[in-house]
Amino acid sequence: MTLAQLQSYWYRRTKTNSTSFPAADQVIALNNANEYALSCIRDKTDNFLPTAWTTTDLSTGTATPVFESLYHQIIALYVCWQWAIENDQKKAAGFERELQMWEEKLRDFYDMRTYRICTMTIASPGVITRKDHELNDGDRVIFSTSGALPTGLSVNTWYYVVNNDEDETFQVSSTKDGTAINTSGTQSGTHWFATDKQVQITTKQDNFR
């Protein structure tokens, strides 16, 4: 969900608008909500602290939270809950119950995966680098990003590891034992990968701001 979509959600649920809920107050609640959501999953990801959103970001409306899109609703719900608390609304208790439900779902989703920061090349084929990634050829991986992946790769799509190189680099294919994917175009932001491999993975806490 984009910020514009999240804003439409909390306007509808709180019966507010830009006059009764000023943009400056919305942004404070929005950033509190984002920090709350990320705190639920921080032990499942490399430490990543995105830049706080501004009123300009809210006005543009195209930015998106940097976690699984299925659970972006938790951001809007938190904004609704904070607004209800600050305005002494009885519906705050209902928003809190919904938040608890979505938090449980979010934690359950990330408990199945450990996301780790990686880098990617624009090349034929594209190469992913992460020291001590502990992957083997044939393992499945999935990517997430705070910006844009290179052309050829998509977020929330399962790929198979190929051409694993001593726990330092690997390439991916859309099919098991298939041809490595070429990457092109441009990329931006911080990238993560996760695996559904049932192993104990130790992660270093890298600080990115």
N, C-alpha and C. Protein backbone atom coordinates (compact mmCIF):
# COMPACT_ATOMS: atom_id res chain seq x y z
N MET A 1 0.84 -1.19 0.00
CA MET A 1 0.00 0.00 0.00
C MET A 1 0.88 1.25 0.00
N THR A 2 0.50 2.23 -0.78
CA THR A 2 1.21 3.50 -0.79
C THR A 2 0.73 4.37 0.36
N LEU A 3 1.48 5.45 0.63
CA LEU A 3 1.04 6.37 1.67
C LEU A 3 -0.33 6.95 1.36
N ALA A 4 -0.61 7.20 0.08
CA ALA A 4 -1.93 7.73 -0.30
C ALA A 4 -3.03 6.73 0.05
N GLN A 5 -2.79 5.46 -0.18
CA GLN A 5 -3.78 4.43 0.14
C GLN A 5 -3.95 4.29 1.65
N LEU A 6 -2.84 4.36 2.39
CA LEU A 6 -2.91 4.28 3.84
C LEU A 6 -3.68 5.48 4.40
N GLN A 7 -3.43 6.64 3.84
CA GLN A 7 -4.13 7.84 4.29
C GLN A 7 -5.63 7.71 4.06
N SER A 8 -6.03 7.21 2.91
CA SER A 8 -7.45 7.01 2.61
C SER A 8 -8.08 6.07 3.62
N TYR A 9 -7.31 5.06 4.04
CA TYR A 9 -7.80 4.09 5.02
C TYR A 9 -8.08 4.77 6.35
N TRP A 10 -7.09 5.55 6.87
CA TRP A 10 -7.34 6.13 8.19
C TRP A 10 -8.34 7.28 8.13
N TYR A 11 -8.45 7.97 7.00
CA TYR A 11 -9.52 8.96 6.88
C TYR A 11 -10.88 8.28 7.00
N ARG A 12 -11.04 7.14 6.32
CA ARG A 12 -12.32 6.43 6.33
C ARG A 12 -12.64 5.87 7.71
N ARG A 13 -11.63 5.25 8.36
CA ARG A 13 -11.88 4.61 9.64
C ARG A 13 -12.08 5.62 10.78
N THR A 14 -11.42 6.78 10.69
CA THR A 14 -11.54 7.77 11.76
C THR A 14 -12.55 8.87 11.44
N LYS A 15 -13.07 8.82 10.20
CA LYS A 15 -14.01 9.86 9.76
C LYS A 15 -13.40 11.25 9.89
N THR A 16 -12.14 11.37 9.46
CA THR A 16 -11.43 12.64 9.49
C THR A 16 -11.09 13.06 8.07
N ASN A 17 -10.46 14.22 7.96
CA ASN A 17 -9.96 14.72 6.68
C ASN A 17 -8.74 15.59 6.95
N SER A 18 -8.23 16.25 5.93
CA SER A 18 -7.01 17.04 6.07
C SER A 18 -7.19 18.25 6.99
N THR A 19 -8.45 18.65 7.21
CA THR A 19 -8.72 19.77 8.10
C THR A 19 -8.78 19.32 9.55
N SER A 20 -9.52 18.26 9.82
CA SER A 20 -9.67 17.78 11.19
C SER A 20 -8.47 16.97 11.67
N PHE A 21 -7.65 16.50 10.73
CA PHE A 21 -6.46 15.73 11.06
C PHE A 21 -5.32 16.31 10.22
N PRO A 22 -4.67 17.38 10.69
CA PRO A 22 -3.66 18.09 9.90
C PRO A 22 -2.50 17.18 9.48
N ALA A 23 -1.90 17.50 8.35
CA ALA A 23 -0.83 16.67 7.79
C ALA A 23 0.34 16.51 8.76
N ALA A 24 0.68 17.57 9.48
CA ALA A 24 1.81 17.49 10.42
C ALA A 24 1.54 16.44 11.50
N ASP A 25 0.30 16.39 11.99
CA ASP A 25 -0.06 15.39 12.99
C ASP A 25 -0.10 13.99 12.38
N GLN A 26 -0.56 13.91 11.13
CA GLN A 26 -0.60 12.62 10.45
C GLN A 26 0.80 12.03 10.31
N VAL A 27 1.76 12.87 9.96
CA VAL A 27 3.13 12.39 9.74
C VAL A 27 3.75 11.89 11.04
N ILE A 28 3.47 12.58 12.13
CA ILE A 28 3.97 12.11 13.43
C ILE A 28 3.41 10.72 13.74
N ALA A 29 2.10 10.57 13.56
CA ALA A 29 1.47 9.27 13.82
C ALA A 29 1.98 8.22 12.84
N LEU A 30 2.18 8.63 11.58
CA LEU A 30 2.65 7.71 10.55
C LEU A 30 4.04 7.16 10.87
N ASN A 31 4.96 8.04 11.27
CA ASN A 31 6.30 7.58 11.62
C ASN A 31 6.32 6.76 12.90
N ASN A 32 5.48 7.09 13.84
CA ASN A 32 5.34 6.24 15.03
C ASN A 32 4.84 4.84 14.64
N ALA A 33 3.90 4.82 13.71
CA ALA A 33 3.34 3.54 13.25
C ALA A 33 4.39 2.70 12.54
N ASN A 34 5.20 3.36 11.71
CA ASN A 34 6.24 2.63 10.99
C ASN A 34 7.26 2.04 11.95
N GLU A 35 7.66 2.82 12.95
CA GLU A 35 8.61 2.34 13.95
C GLU A 35 8.01 1.17 14.74
N TYR A 36 6.74 1.26 15.05
CA TYR A 36 6.06 0.16 15.76
C TYR A 36 6.10 -1.11 14.92
N ALA A 37 5.74 -1.01 13.63
CA ALA A 37 5.73 -2.19 12.77
C ALA A 37 7.12 -2.80 12.63
N LEU A 38 8.12 -1.94 12.41
CA LEU A 38 9.48 -2.44 12.24
C LEU A 38 10.03 -3.05 13.54
N SER A 39 9.59 -2.53 14.69
CA SER A 39 10.05 -3.09 15.96
C SER A 39 9.55 -4.52 16.16
N CYS A 40 8.43 -4.85 15.50
CA CYS A 40 7.88 -6.21 15.61
C CYS A 40 8.74 -7.23 14.87
N ILE A 41 9.51 -6.76 13.88
CA ILE A 41 10.24 -7.70 13.02
C ILE A 41 11.74 -7.44 13.02
N ARG A 42 12.21 -6.48 13.81
CA ARG A 42 13.62 -6.09 13.73
C ARG A 42 14.56 -7.24 14.05
N ASP A 43 14.17 -8.15 14.95
CA ASP A 43 15.05 -9.28 15.26
C ASP A 43 15.05 -10.32 14.16
N LYS A 44 14.17 -10.14 13.13
CA LYS A 44 14.13 -11.07 12.00
C LYS A 44 14.76 -10.48 10.76
N THR A 45 15.28 -9.27 10.87
CA THR A 45 15.92 -8.62 9.72
C THR A 45 17.23 -7.99 10.18
N ASP A 46 18.14 -7.78 9.23
CA ASP A 46 19.30 -6.95 9.54
C ASP A 46 18.79 -5.58 9.97
N ASN A 47 19.50 -4.94 10.86
CA ASN A 47 19.07 -3.65 11.40
C ASN A 47 19.00 -2.61 10.29
N PHE A 48 17.80 -2.13 10.01
CA PHE A 48 17.60 -1.12 8.97
C PHE A 48 16.65 -0.07 9.48
N LEU A 49 17.09 1.19 9.46
CA LEU A 49 16.27 2.29 9.95
C LEU A 49 16.01 3.26 8.81
N PRO A 50 14.87 3.16 8.17
CA PRO A 50 14.58 4.04 7.03
C PRO A 50 14.42 5.49 7.47
N THR A 51 14.65 6.39 6.54
CA THR A 51 14.46 7.82 6.81
C THR A 51 13.00 8.11 7.10
N ALA A 52 12.76 8.95 8.10
CA ALA A 52 11.38 9.28 8.48
C ALA A 52 10.66 9.97 7.33
N TRP A 53 9.36 9.67 7.20
CA TRP A 53 8.55 10.32 6.19
C TRP A 53 8.25 11.76 6.58
N THR A 54 7.99 12.59 5.57
CA THR A 54 7.69 14.01 5.77
C THR A 54 6.30 14.32 5.23
N THR A 55 5.85 15.55 5.46
CA THR A 55 4.56 15.97 4.90
C THR A 55 4.60 15.96 3.38
N THR A 56 5.78 16.20 2.81
CA THR A 56 5.92 16.13 1.35
C THR A 56 5.70 14.71 0.86
N ASP A 57 6.28 13.73 1.56
CA ASP A 57 6.07 12.33 1.21
C ASP A 57 4.58 11.98 1.27
N LEU A 58 3.92 12.48 2.31
CA LEU A 58 2.50 12.19 2.47
C LEU A 58 1.69 12.83 1.35
N SER A 59 2.06 14.05 0.96
CA SER A 59 1.36 14.75 -0.11
C SER A 59 1.57 14.05 -1.46
N THR A 60 2.81 13.63 -1.72
CA THR A 60 3.10 12.91 -2.96
C THR A 60 2.39 11.56 -2.97
N GLY A 61 2.47 10.85 -1.84
CA GLY A 61 1.66 9.65 -1.65
C GLY A 61 2.15 8.38 -2.29
N THR A 62 3.35 8.39 -2.89
CA THR A 62 3.80 7.20 -3.63
C THR A 62 4.72 6.29 -2.83
N ALA A 63 5.25 6.76 -1.71
CA ALA A 63 6.15 5.93 -0.90
C ALA A 63 5.40 4.75 -0.29
N THR A 64 6.13 3.69 0.00
CA THR A 64 5.52 2.50 0.60
C THR A 64 6.37 2.03 1.78
N PRO A 65 5.77 1.40 2.78
CA PRO A 65 6.55 0.82 3.89
C PRO A 65 7.51 -0.25 3.37
N VAL A 66 8.61 -0.47 4.11
CA VAL A 66 9.66 -1.37 3.63
C VAL A 66 9.56 -2.76 4.28
N PHE A 67 8.34 -3.26 4.35
CA PHE A 67 8.17 -4.65 4.77
C PHE A 67 7.04 -5.26 3.94
N GLU A 68 6.78 -6.54 4.15
CA GLU A 68 5.83 -7.29 3.33
C GLU A 68 4.50 -6.55 3.18
N SER A 69 4.09 -6.35 1.92
CA SER A 69 2.92 -5.51 1.62
C SER A 69 1.61 -6.08 2.17
N LEU A 70 1.54 -7.38 2.41
CA LEU A 70 0.32 -7.98 2.96
C LEU A 70 -0.03 -7.40 4.32
N TYR A 71 0.96 -6.80 4.98
CA TYR A 71 0.75 -6.35 6.36
C TYR A 71 0.87 -4.83 6.51
N HIS A 72 0.83 -4.10 5.40
CA HIS A 72 0.92 -2.64 5.47
C HIS A 72 -0.26 -2.03 6.23
N GLN A 73 -1.36 -2.75 6.29
CA GLN A 73 -2.54 -2.23 6.98
C GLN A 73 -2.25 -1.90 8.45
N ILE A 74 -1.25 -2.58 9.02
CA ILE A 74 -0.92 -2.34 10.43
C ILE A 74 -0.48 -0.89 10.65
N ILE A 75 0.12 -0.28 9.62
CA ILE A 75 0.54 1.13 9.71
C ILE A 75 -0.69 2.02 9.87
N ALA A 76 -1.67 1.83 8.99
CA ALA A 76 -2.88 2.66 9.04
C ALA A 76 -3.66 2.43 10.33
N LEU A 77 -3.70 1.19 10.79
CA LEU A 77 -4.41 0.89 12.03
C LEU A 77 -3.77 1.59 13.23
N TYR A 78 -2.44 1.62 13.23
CA TYR A 78 -1.76 2.30 14.33
C TYR A 78 -2.07 3.79 14.33
N VAL A 79 -2.11 4.39 13.14
CA VAL A 79 -2.46 5.81 13.04
C VAL A 79 -3.88 6.03 13.58
N CYS A 80 -4.80 5.14 13.21
CA CYS A 80 -6.18 5.24 13.72
C CYS A 80 -6.20 5.14 15.24
N TRP A 81 -5.44 4.19 15.77
CA TRP A 81 -5.41 3.98 17.22
C TRP A 81 -4.83 5.19 17.94
N GLN A 82 -3.71 5.75 17.42
CA GLN A 82 -3.11 6.91 18.06
C GLN A 82 -4.04 8.11 18.01
N TRP A 83 -4.71 8.30 16.86
CA TRP A 83 -5.67 9.40 16.75
C TRP A 83 -6.79 9.22 17.77
N ALA A 84 -7.31 8.01 17.91
CA ALA A 84 -8.42 7.76 18.83
C ALA A 84 -8.00 7.99 20.28
N ILE A 85 -6.77 7.59 20.63
CA ILE A 85 -6.27 7.81 21.99
C ILE A 85 -6.17 9.31 22.27
N GLU A 86 -5.58 10.05 21.34
CA GLU A 86 -5.35 11.48 21.56
C GLU A 86 -6.65 12.28 21.58
N ASN A 87 -7.69 11.73 20.93
CA ASN A 87 -8.97 12.44 20.88
C ASN A 87 -10.02 11.81 21.78
N ASP A 88 -9.54 10.94 22.69
CA ASP A 88 -10.42 10.34 23.70
C ASP A 88 -11.64 9.67 23.07
N GLN A 89 -11.39 8.88 22.04
CA GLN A 89 -12.45 8.19 21.33
C GLN A 89 -12.64 6.77 21.88
N LYS A 90 -13.88 6.36 22.06
CA LYS A 90 -14.15 5.02 22.59
C LYS A 90 -13.67 3.93 21.65
N LYS A 91 -13.59 4.25 20.35
CA LYS A 91 -13.17 3.24 19.37
C LYS A 91 -11.69 2.86 19.50
N ALA A 92 -10.94 3.53 20.37
CA ALA A 92 -9.52 3.20 20.54
C ALA A 92 -9.33 1.74 20.94
N ALA A 93 -10.23 1.24 21.79
CA ALA A 93 -10.11 -0.15 22.24
C ALA A 93 -10.28 -1.12 21.08
N GLY A 94 -11.19 -0.80 20.16
CA GLY A 94 -11.39 -1.65 19.00
C GLY A 94 -10.19 -1.63 18.07
N PHE A 95 -9.60 -0.45 17.86
CA PHE A 95 -8.40 -0.35 17.04
C PHE A 95 -7.26 -1.14 17.68
N GLU A 96 -7.16 -1.08 19.00
CA GLU A 96 -6.09 -1.80 19.69
C GLU A 96 -6.23 -3.31 19.51
N ARG A 97 -7.43 -3.81 19.56
CA ARG A 97 -7.64 -5.26 19.35
C ARG A 97 -7.25 -5.65 17.92
N GLU A 98 -7.61 -4.83 16.95
CA GLU A 98 -7.22 -5.11 15.56
C GLU A 98 -5.70 -5.08 15.40
N LEU A 99 -5.06 -4.10 16.06
CA LEU A 99 -3.61 -4.01 16.00
C LEU A 99 -2.94 -5.26 16.54
N GLN A 100 -3.45 -5.75 17.64
CA GLN A 100 -2.87 -6.96 18.24
C GLN A 100 -3.00 -8.15 17.30
N MET A 101 -4.13 -8.24 16.60
CA MET A 101 -4.33 -9.33 15.65
C MET A 101 -3.34 -9.24 14.49
N TRP A 102 -3.19 -8.02 13.93
CA TRP A 102 -2.28 -7.84 12.80
C TRP A 102 -0.83 -7.98 13.22
N GLU A 103 -0.50 -7.55 14.43
CA GLU A 103 0.87 -7.74 14.91
C GLU A 103 1.21 -9.22 15.00
N GLU A 104 0.29 -10.01 15.48
CA GLU A 104 0.52 -11.46 15.56
C GLU A 104 0.75 -12.06 14.18
N LYS A 105 -0.05 -11.62 13.21
CA LYS A 105 0.12 -12.11 11.84
C LYS A 105 1.48 -11.70 11.27
N LEU A 106 1.86 -10.45 11.52
CA LEU A 106 3.14 -9.95 11.02
C LEU A 106 4.30 -10.73 11.63
N ARG A 107 4.25 -10.94 12.93
CA ARG A 107 5.32 -11.69 13.60
C ARG A 107 5.38 -13.13 13.10
N ASP A 108 4.22 -13.74 12.90
CA ASP A 108 4.19 -15.12 12.41
C ASP A 108 4.82 -15.22 11.03
N PHE A 109 4.54 -14.24 10.17
CA PHE A 109 5.09 -14.24 8.82
C PHE A 109 6.61 -14.16 8.85
N TYR A 110 7.14 -13.23 9.65
CA TYR A 110 8.60 -13.05 9.68
C TYR A 110 9.31 -14.12 10.51
N ASP A 111 8.57 -14.80 11.40
CA ASP A 111 9.19 -15.90 12.14
C ASP A 111 9.61 -17.03 11.20
N MET A 112 8.99 -17.11 10.02
CA MET A 112 9.31 -18.17 9.07
C MET A 112 10.54 -17.82 8.23
N ARG A 113 11.02 -16.57 8.32
CA ARG A 113 12.12 -16.13 7.47
C ARG A 113 13.05 -15.22 8.25
N THR A 114 14.31 -15.21 7.86
CA THR A 114 15.26 -14.27 8.41
C THR A 114 15.80 -13.46 7.24
N TYR A 115 15.49 -12.18 7.22
CA TYR A 115 15.90 -11.31 6.12
C TYR A 115 17.29 -10.73 6.39
N ARG A 116 18.16 -10.82 5.38
CA ARG A 116 19.52 -10.31 5.51
C ARG A 116 19.86 -9.41 4.33
N ILE A 117 20.60 -8.36 4.62
CA ILE A 117 20.97 -7.39 3.59
C ILE A 117 21.94 -8.03 2.60
N CYS A 118 21.75 -7.70 1.33
CA CYS A 118 22.65 -8.19 0.28
C CYS A 118 22.86 -7.07 -0.74
N THR A 119 23.82 -7.26 -1.63
CA THR A 119 24.02 -6.35 -2.75
C THR A 119 23.86 -7.13 -4.04
N MET A 120 23.55 -6.41 -5.11
CA MET A 120 23.31 -7.05 -6.41
C MET A 120 24.06 -6.29 -7.49
N THR A 121 24.46 -7.03 -8.53
CA THR A 121 25.10 -6.39 -9.67
C THR A 121 24.12 -6.30 -10.83
N ILE A 122 24.36 -5.33 -11.70
CA ILE A 122 23.66 -5.26 -12.98
C ILE A 122 24.58 -5.97 -13.97
N ALA A 123 24.25 -7.21 -14.30
CA ALA A 123 25.18 -8.01 -15.11
C ALA A 123 24.43 -9.18 -15.73
N SER A 124 25.13 -9.89 -16.60
CA SER A 124 24.58 -11.09 -17.26
C SER A 124 25.48 -12.29 -16.95
N PRO A 125 25.11 -13.09 -15.97
CA PRO A 125 23.94 -12.95 -15.10
C PRO A 125 24.22 -12.05 -13.89
N GLY A 126 23.15 -11.65 -13.22
CA GLY A 126 23.28 -10.84 -12.02
C GLY A 126 23.84 -11.65 -10.87
N VAL A 127 24.65 -11.02 -10.05
CA VAL A 127 25.30 -11.69 -8.92
C VAL A 127 24.84 -11.04 -7.62
N ILE A 128 24.45 -11.88 -6.66
CA ILE A 128 24.06 -11.41 -5.32
C ILE A 128 25.19 -11.71 -4.37
N THR A 129 25.55 -10.74 -3.56
CA THR A 129 26.65 -10.91 -2.61
C THR A 129 26.16 -10.74 -1.19
N ARG A 130 26.52 -11.71 -0.37
CA ARG A 130 26.29 -11.65 1.08
C ARG A 130 27.27 -12.62 1.73
N LYS A 131 28.20 -12.11 2.50
CA LYS A 131 29.19 -12.96 3.14
C LYS A 131 28.52 -13.94 4.09
N ASP A 132 28.95 -15.19 4.05
CA ASP A 132 28.41 -16.25 4.92
C ASP A 132 26.91 -16.41 4.75
N HIS A 133 26.45 -16.45 3.51
CA HIS A 133 25.00 -16.57 3.29
C HIS A 133 24.45 -17.96 3.62
N GLU A 134 25.30 -18.99 3.68
CA GLU A 134 24.91 -20.34 4.10
C GLU A 134 23.86 -20.98 3.20
N LEU A 135 23.83 -20.59 1.95
CA LEU A 135 22.89 -21.17 1.00
C LEU A 135 23.58 -22.22 0.14
N ASN A 136 22.79 -23.13 -0.40
CA ASN A 136 23.27 -24.14 -1.33
C ASN A 136 22.49 -24.05 -2.63
N ASP A 137 23.07 -24.53 -3.71
CA ASP A 137 22.33 -24.59 -4.97
C ASP A 137 21.03 -25.35 -4.76
N GLY A 138 19.94 -24.81 -5.28
CA GLY A 138 18.63 -25.44 -5.14
C GLY A 138 17.79 -24.87 -4.02
N ASP A 139 18.42 -24.12 -3.08
CA ASP A 139 17.64 -23.47 -2.02
C ASP A 139 16.77 -22.37 -2.61
N ARG A 140 15.64 -22.10 -1.98
CA ARG A 140 14.76 -21.04 -2.44
C ARG A 140 15.05 -19.75 -1.68
N VAL A 141 15.02 -18.62 -2.41
CA VAL A 141 15.20 -17.31 -1.78
C VAL A 141 14.14 -16.35 -2.31
N ILE A 142 13.90 -15.32 -1.53
CA ILE A 142 12.92 -14.29 -1.88
C ILE A 142 13.52 -12.95 -1.53
N PHE A 143 13.20 -11.92 -2.29
CA PHE A 143 13.84 -10.61 -2.10
C PHE A 143 12.84 -9.56 -1.63
N SER A 144 13.38 -8.59 -0.90
CA SER A 144 12.63 -7.40 -0.50
C SER A 144 13.57 -6.22 -0.68
N THR A 145 13.03 -5.04 -0.82
CA THR A 145 13.87 -3.86 -1.01
C THR A 145 13.17 -2.61 -0.48
N SER A 146 13.99 -1.63 -0.10
CA SER A 146 13.42 -0.33 0.29
C SER A 146 13.30 0.59 -0.91
N GLY A 147 13.85 0.16 -2.06
CA GLY A 147 13.79 0.98 -3.27
C GLY A 147 13.30 0.18 -4.45
N ALA A 148 14.21 -0.16 -5.35
CA ALA A 148 13.85 -0.93 -6.55
C ALA A 148 14.93 -1.96 -6.84
N LEU A 149 14.51 -3.17 -7.14
CA LEU A 149 15.45 -4.21 -7.56
C LEU A 149 15.83 -4.00 -9.02
N PRO A 150 16.96 -4.56 -9.44
CA PRO A 150 17.30 -4.49 -10.86
C PRO A 150 16.22 -5.15 -11.72
N THR A 151 16.08 -4.71 -12.95
CA THR A 151 15.16 -5.35 -13.87
C THR A 151 15.57 -6.81 -14.04
N GLY A 152 14.58 -7.71 -13.99
CA GLY A 152 14.84 -9.14 -14.05
C GLY A 152 14.50 -9.83 -12.77
N LEU A 153 14.47 -9.07 -11.65
CA LEU A 153 14.11 -9.61 -10.34
C LEU A 153 12.92 -8.86 -9.78
N SER A 154 12.09 -9.56 -9.02
CA SER A 154 10.90 -8.96 -8.43
C SER A 154 10.85 -9.28 -6.94
N VAL A 155 10.24 -8.39 -6.18
CA VAL A 155 10.04 -8.65 -4.76
C VAL A 155 8.95 -9.71 -4.58
N ASN A 156 9.00 -10.38 -3.45
CA ASN A 156 7.98 -11.37 -3.09
C ASN A 156 7.78 -12.45 -4.14
N THR A 157 8.86 -12.84 -4.80
CA THR A 157 8.85 -13.92 -5.78
C THR A 157 9.93 -14.91 -5.40
N TRP A 158 9.60 -16.20 -5.38
CA TRP A 158 10.59 -17.20 -5.01
C TRP A 158 11.50 -17.52 -6.18
N TYR A 159 12.81 -17.57 -5.89
CA TYR A 159 13.83 -17.94 -6.88
C TYR A 159 14.67 -19.08 -6.30
N TYR A 160 15.39 -19.76 -7.19
CA TYR A 160 16.25 -20.86 -6.78
C TYR A 160 17.72 -20.45 -6.90
N VAL A 161 18.51 -20.80 -5.89
CA VAL A 161 19.93 -20.48 -5.89
C VAL A 161 20.66 -21.36 -6.91
N VAL A 162 21.51 -20.73 -7.72
CA VAL A 162 22.40 -21.44 -8.64
C VAL A 162 23.78 -20.80 -8.55
N ASN A 163 24.79 -21.54 -8.95
CA ASN A 163 26.16 -21.02 -9.01
C ASN A 163 26.61 -20.41 -7.68
N ASN A 164 26.29 -21.11 -6.59
CA ASN A 164 26.72 -20.69 -5.26
C ASN A 164 28.24 -20.73 -5.18
N ASP A 165 28.83 -19.63 -4.67
CA ASP A 165 30.29 -19.53 -4.64
C ASP A 165 30.80 -19.36 -3.21
N GLU A 166 31.01 -20.47 -2.52
CA GLU A 166 31.66 -20.49 -1.22
C GLU A 166 31.09 -19.49 -0.22
N ASP A 167 29.79 -19.45 -0.11
CA ASP A 167 29.13 -18.60 0.90
C ASP A 167 29.46 -17.11 0.77
N GLU A 168 29.83 -16.67 -0.42
CA GLU A 168 30.12 -15.26 -0.63
C GLU A 168 29.15 -14.65 -1.64
N THR A 169 28.96 -15.32 -2.76
CA THR A 169 28.05 -14.84 -3.81
C THR A 169 27.18 -16.00 -4.29
N PHE A 170 26.09 -15.64 -4.94
CA PHE A 170 25.25 -16.63 -5.59
C PHE A 170 24.45 -15.94 -6.68
N GLN A 171 23.88 -16.73 -7.55
CA GLN A 171 22.98 -16.24 -8.59
C GLN A 171 21.65 -16.95 -8.41
N VAL A 172 20.63 -16.51 -9.12
CA VAL A 172 19.31 -17.11 -8.95
C VAL A 172 18.69 -17.43 -10.30
N SER A 173 17.81 -18.41 -10.26
CA SER A 173 17.06 -18.83 -11.45
C SER A 173 15.59 -18.91 -11.09
N SER A 174 14.74 -18.77 -12.09
CA SER A 174 13.29 -18.87 -11.83
C SER A 174 12.86 -20.33 -11.66
N THR A 175 13.72 -21.27 -12.04
CA THR A 175 13.42 -22.70 -11.89
C THR A 175 14.60 -23.40 -11.24
N LYS A 176 14.34 -24.50 -10.59
CA LYS A 176 15.41 -25.25 -9.93
C LYS A 176 16.39 -25.77 -10.98
N ASP A 177 17.68 -25.53 -10.74
CA ASP A 177 18.76 -25.95 -11.66
C ASP A 177 18.63 -25.27 -13.03
N GLY A 178 17.95 -24.13 -13.07
CA GLY A 178 17.74 -23.44 -14.34
C GLY A 178 18.85 -22.46 -14.65
N THR A 179 18.61 -21.65 -15.67
CA THR A 179 19.58 -20.66 -16.12
C THR A 179 19.55 -19.44 -15.20
N ALA A 180 20.73 -18.94 -14.84
CA ALA A 180 20.82 -17.76 -13.98
C ALA A 180 20.20 -16.55 -14.67
N ILE A 181 19.54 -15.72 -13.89
CA ILE A 181 18.81 -14.57 -14.41
C ILE A 181 19.75 -13.40 -14.66
N ASN A 182 19.58 -12.77 -15.82
CA ASN A 182 20.31 -11.55 -16.14
C ASN A 182 19.61 -10.36 -15.50
N THR A 183 20.39 -9.40 -15.02
CA THR A 183 19.81 -8.18 -14.46
C THR A 183 20.21 -7.00 -15.32
N SER A 184 19.36 -5.99 -15.36
CA SER A 184 19.63 -4.82 -16.20
C SER A 184 18.98 -3.60 -15.57
N GLY A 185 19.06 -2.47 -16.27
CA GLY A 185 18.41 -1.26 -15.79
C GLY A 185 19.15 -0.62 -14.64
N THR A 186 18.39 -0.14 -13.66
CA THR A 186 18.97 0.51 -12.48
C THR A 186 18.40 -0.13 -11.23
N GLN A 187 18.99 0.21 -10.10
CA GLN A 187 18.50 -0.27 -8.82
C GLN A 187 18.66 0.83 -7.79
N SER A 188 17.93 0.72 -6.68
CA SER A 188 18.04 1.73 -5.64
C SER A 188 17.66 1.13 -4.30
N GLY A 189 18.05 1.81 -3.23
CA GLY A 189 17.66 1.38 -1.90
C GLY A 189 18.50 0.24 -1.35
N THR A 190 18.02 -0.31 -0.25
CA THR A 190 18.65 -1.44 0.42
C THR A 190 17.88 -2.71 0.07
N HIS A 191 18.61 -3.77 -0.26
CA HIS A 191 17.98 -5.03 -0.63
C HIS A 191 18.19 -6.07 0.46
N TRP A 192 17.19 -6.93 0.62
CA TRP A 192 17.30 -8.07 1.54
C TRP A 192 16.94 -9.36 0.79
N PHE A 193 17.44 -10.48 1.30
CA PHE A 193 16.96 -11.78 0.84
C PHE A 193 16.61 -12.62 2.06
N ALA A 194 15.70 -13.55 1.85
CA ALA A 194 15.33 -14.51 2.90
C ALA A 194 15.20 -15.88 2.24
N THR A 195 15.21 -16.90 3.07
CA THR A 195 15.08 -18.26 2.57
C THR A 195 14.08 -19.02 3.42
N ASP A 196 13.45 -20.02 2.83
CA ASP A 196 12.57 -20.89 3.61
C ASP A 196 13.31 -22.14 4.07
N LYS A 197 14.64 -22.13 3.90
CA LYS A 197 15.49 -23.23 4.34
C LYS A 197 15.42 -23.35 5.85
N GLN A 198 15.19 -24.52 6.35
CA GLN A 198 15.04 -24.73 7.79
C GLN A 198 16.40 -24.94 8.44
N VAL A 199 17.13 -23.82 8.62
CA VAL A 199 18.41 -23.86 9.30
C VAL A 199 18.49 -22.71 10.27
N GLN A 200 19.42 -22.82 11.22
CA GLN A 200 19.64 -21.72 12.15
C GLN A 200 20.62 -20.77 11.52
N ILE A 201 20.21 -19.53 11.28
CA ILE A 201 21.07 -18.56 10.61
C ILE A 201 21.47 -17.49 11.61
N THR A 202 22.76 -17.20 11.65
CA THR A 202 23.27 -16.15 12.51
C THR A 202 23.48 -14.91 11.66
N THR A 203 22.94 -13.78 12.10
CA THR A 203 23.07 -12.56 11.32
C THR A 203 23.89 -11.53 12.07
N LYS A 204 24.64 -10.75 11.33
CA LYS A 204 25.32 -9.60 11.89
C LYS A 204 24.38 -8.41 11.83
N GLN A 205 24.45 -7.58 12.84
CA GLN A 205 23.60 -6.40 12.85
C GLN A 205 24.33 -5.24 12.18
N ASP A 206 24.07 -5.05 10.88
CA ASP A 206 24.68 -3.97 10.13
C ASP A 206 23.79 -2.74 10.28
N ASN A 207 24.38 -1.61 10.48
CA ASN A 207 23.61 -0.39 10.67
C ASN A 207 23.52 0.39 9.38
N PHE A 208 22.30 0.59 8.91
CA PHE A 208 22.04 1.36 7.70
C PHE A 208 21.06 2.45 8.05
N ARG A 209 21.37 3.62 7.67
CA ARG A 209 20.43 4.74 7.87
C ARG A 209 20.24 5.45 6.55
